[in-house]
Amino acid sequence: MSGGNPWAKRDAWRYEGQFTRINRFKNAFPGLGIAIVAFSGYLAYEKIFLTKDSHHEEHH
């Protein structure tokens, strides 16, 4: 008898397919990637377009 885990074959499903570590992380936060992209886009828009107008108003 080998010294390995006798339940290894029965536990294999836990670490394959949709249950891999990467897939579990992706499914834990649905929409997080889209939210990060949208928020980054808003920050870029604010930095480029909105700050120029606010500085212009301060000088008047």
N, C-alpha and C. Protein backbone atom coordinates (compact mmCIF):
# COMPACT_ATOMS: atom_id res chain seq x y z
N MET A 1 0.85 -1.19 0.00
CA MET A 1 0.00 0.00 0.00
C MET A 1 0.89 1.25 0.00
N SER A 2 0.54 2.21 -0.83
CA SER A 2 1.34 3.42 -0.92
C SER A 2 1.00 4.36 0.23
N GLY A 3 1.89 5.29 0.50
CA GLY A 3 1.70 6.20 1.62
C GLY A 3 0.90 7.44 1.27
N GLY A 4 0.33 7.51 0.05
CA GLY A 4 -0.43 8.69 -0.39
C GLY A 4 -1.81 8.75 0.24
N ASN A 5 -2.55 9.72 -0.14
CA ASN A 5 -3.90 9.93 0.36
C ASN A 5 -4.85 8.95 -0.32
N PRO A 6 -5.53 8.09 0.43
CA PRO A 6 -6.45 7.14 -0.20
C PRO A 6 -7.69 7.82 -0.78
N TRP A 7 -7.98 9.03 -0.38
CA TRP A 7 -9.16 9.75 -0.87
C TRP A 7 -8.82 10.73 -2.00
N ALA A 8 -7.60 10.70 -2.51
CA ALA A 8 -7.16 11.67 -3.52
C ALA A 8 -8.04 11.64 -4.77
N LYS A 9 -8.39 10.44 -5.23
CA LYS A 9 -9.22 10.35 -6.43
C LYS A 9 -10.61 10.93 -6.17
N ARG A 10 -11.14 10.72 -5.00
CA ARG A 10 -12.48 11.22 -4.69
C ARG A 10 -12.50 12.73 -4.44
N ASP A 11 -11.38 13.30 -4.05
CA ASP A 11 -11.29 14.74 -3.81
C ASP A 11 -10.83 15.52 -5.04
N ALA A 12 -10.49 14.83 -6.11
CA ALA A 12 -9.94 15.49 -7.30
C ALA A 12 -10.90 16.51 -7.88
N TRP A 13 -12.20 16.27 -7.81
CA TRP A 13 -13.19 17.20 -8.39
C TRP A 13 -13.13 18.57 -7.73
N ARG A 14 -12.66 18.65 -6.51
CA ARG A 14 -12.62 19.93 -5.80
C ARG A 14 -11.60 20.90 -6.40
N TYR A 15 -10.65 20.39 -7.14
CA TYR A 15 -9.54 21.22 -7.64
C TYR A 15 -9.49 21.25 -9.17
N GLU A 16 -10.57 20.84 -9.83
CA GLU A 16 -10.59 20.81 -11.30
C GLU A 16 -11.80 21.59 -11.80
N GLY A 17 -11.71 22.03 -13.05
CA GLY A 17 -12.85 22.68 -13.70
C GLY A 17 -13.27 23.97 -13.02
N GLN A 18 -14.54 24.07 -12.73
CA GLN A 18 -15.07 25.31 -12.15
C GLN A 18 -14.67 25.50 -10.69
N PHE A 19 -14.07 24.52 -10.08
CA PHE A 19 -13.68 24.63 -8.68
C PHE A 19 -12.21 24.96 -8.47
N THR A 20 -11.49 25.29 -9.55
CA THR A 20 -10.10 25.69 -9.38
C THR A 20 -10.04 27.01 -8.61
N ARG A 21 -8.90 27.32 -8.07
CA ARG A 21 -8.76 28.52 -7.25
C ARG A 21 -9.08 29.79 -8.04
N ILE A 22 -8.64 29.85 -9.29
CA ILE A 22 -8.89 31.03 -10.12
C ILE A 22 -10.37 31.18 -10.41
N ASN A 23 -11.02 30.10 -10.78
CA ASN A 23 -12.45 30.17 -11.09
C ASN A 23 -13.29 30.50 -9.85
N ARG A 24 -12.89 30.02 -8.70
CA ARG A 24 -13.63 30.37 -7.48
C ARG A 24 -13.50 31.86 -7.19
N PHE A 25 -12.34 32.44 -7.44
CA PHE A 25 -12.16 33.87 -7.20
C PHE A 25 -12.97 34.69 -8.19
N LYS A 26 -12.96 34.27 -9.47
CA LYS A 26 -13.72 34.99 -10.49
C LYS A 26 -15.21 34.99 -10.17
N ASN A 27 -15.72 33.87 -9.70
CA ASN A 27 -17.14 33.76 -9.42
C ASN A 27 -17.54 34.39 -8.09
N ALA A 28 -16.58 34.70 -7.24
CA ALA A 28 -16.89 35.28 -5.94
C ALA A 28 -17.33 36.73 -6.06
N PHE A 29 -16.80 37.47 -7.03
CA PHE A 29 -17.12 38.89 -7.19
C PHE A 29 -17.57 39.17 -8.62
N PRO A 30 -18.78 38.78 -8.98
CA PRO A 30 -19.22 39.04 -10.36
C PRO A 30 -19.38 40.53 -10.60
N GLY A 31 -18.89 41.00 -11.72
CA GLY A 31 -19.01 42.41 -12.07
C GLY A 31 -17.92 43.29 -11.50
N LEU A 32 -17.00 42.73 -10.73
CA LEU A 32 -15.95 43.56 -10.14
C LEU A 32 -15.04 44.15 -11.22
N GLY A 33 -14.70 43.37 -12.24
CA GLY A 33 -13.85 43.87 -13.31
C GLY A 33 -14.50 45.03 -14.06
N ILE A 34 -15.79 44.90 -14.36
CA ILE A 34 -16.51 45.96 -15.06
C ILE A 34 -16.58 47.21 -14.18
N ALA A 35 -16.79 47.03 -12.90
CA ALA A 35 -16.87 48.17 -11.99
C ALA A 35 -15.53 48.90 -11.90
N ILE A 36 -14.44 48.17 -11.87
CA ILE A 36 -13.11 48.80 -11.81
C ILE A 36 -12.84 49.59 -13.08
N VAL A 37 -13.17 49.03 -14.23
CA VAL A 37 -12.96 49.74 -15.50
C VAL A 37 -13.83 51.00 -15.56
N ALA A 38 -15.09 50.89 -15.14
CA ALA A 38 -15.98 52.05 -15.18
C ALA A 38 -15.49 53.15 -14.23
N PHE A 39 -15.06 52.78 -13.04
CA PHE A 39 -14.58 53.75 -12.07
C PHE A 39 -13.29 54.41 -12.56
N SER A 40 -12.40 53.62 -13.16
CA SER A 40 -11.17 54.18 -13.70
C SER A 40 -11.46 55.16 -14.83
N GLY A 41 -12.44 54.81 -15.66
CA GLY A 41 -12.84 55.72 -16.74
C GLY A 41 -13.40 57.02 -16.20
N TYR A 42 -14.19 56.94 -15.14
CA TYR A 42 -14.73 58.15 -14.53
C TYR A 42 -13.61 59.01 -13.94
N LEU A 43 -12.66 58.38 -13.27
CA LEU A 43 -11.55 59.15 -12.70
C LEU A 43 -10.73 59.84 -13.80
N ALA A 44 -10.51 59.14 -14.90
CA ALA A 44 -9.78 59.76 -16.01
C ALA A 44 -10.57 60.93 -16.59
N TYR A 45 -11.88 60.76 -16.76
CA TYR A 45 -12.74 61.83 -17.27
C TYR A 45 -12.69 63.04 -16.33
N GLU A 46 -12.78 62.80 -15.03
CA GLU A 46 -12.75 63.88 -14.05
C GLU A 46 -11.41 64.61 -14.09
N LYS A 47 -10.34 63.86 -14.19
CA LYS A 47 -9.01 64.46 -14.20
C LYS A 47 -8.80 65.32 -15.45
N ILE A 48 -9.26 64.84 -16.58
CA ILE A 48 -9.01 65.54 -17.84
C ILE A 48 -9.96 66.72 -18.05
N PHE A 49 -11.26 66.49 -17.85
CA PHE A 49 -12.24 67.50 -18.25
C PHE A 49 -12.74 68.38 -17.10
N LEU A 50 -12.94 67.84 -15.93
CA LEU A 50 -13.58 68.61 -14.87
C LEU A 50 -12.62 69.49 -14.10
N THR A 51 -11.38 69.11 -13.95
CA THR A 51 -10.46 69.93 -13.15
C THR A 51 -10.05 71.20 -13.87
N LYS A 52 -10.03 71.19 -15.19
CA LYS A 52 -9.68 72.41 -15.93
C LYS A 52 -10.73 73.49 -15.71
N ASP A 53 -12.00 73.10 -15.70
CA ASP A 53 -13.07 74.06 -15.49
C ASP A 53 -13.05 74.61 -14.07
N SER A 54 -12.78 73.77 -13.08
CA SER A 54 -12.78 74.23 -11.69
C SER A 54 -11.63 75.21 -11.43
N HIS A 55 -10.47 74.99 -12.04
CA HIS A 55 -9.35 75.91 -11.87
C HIS A 55 -9.65 77.25 -12.58
N HIS A 56 -10.36 77.19 -13.68
CA HIS A 56 -10.71 78.39 -14.42
C HIS A 56 -11.66 79.27 -13.60
N GLU A 57 -12.59 78.66 -12.88
CA GLU A 57 -13.55 79.40 -12.08
C GLU A 57 -12.89 80.08 -10.87
N GLU A 58 -11.84 79.47 -10.33
CA GLU A 58 -11.17 80.01 -9.15
C GLU A 58 -10.47 81.33 -9.46
N HIS A 59 -10.03 81.53 -10.68
CA HIS A 59 -9.30 82.75 -11.03
C HIS A 59 -10.21 83.94 -11.28
N HIS A 60 -11.51 83.72 -11.43
CA HIS A 60 -12.42 84.84 -11.71
C HIS A 60 -12.94 85.46 -10.48
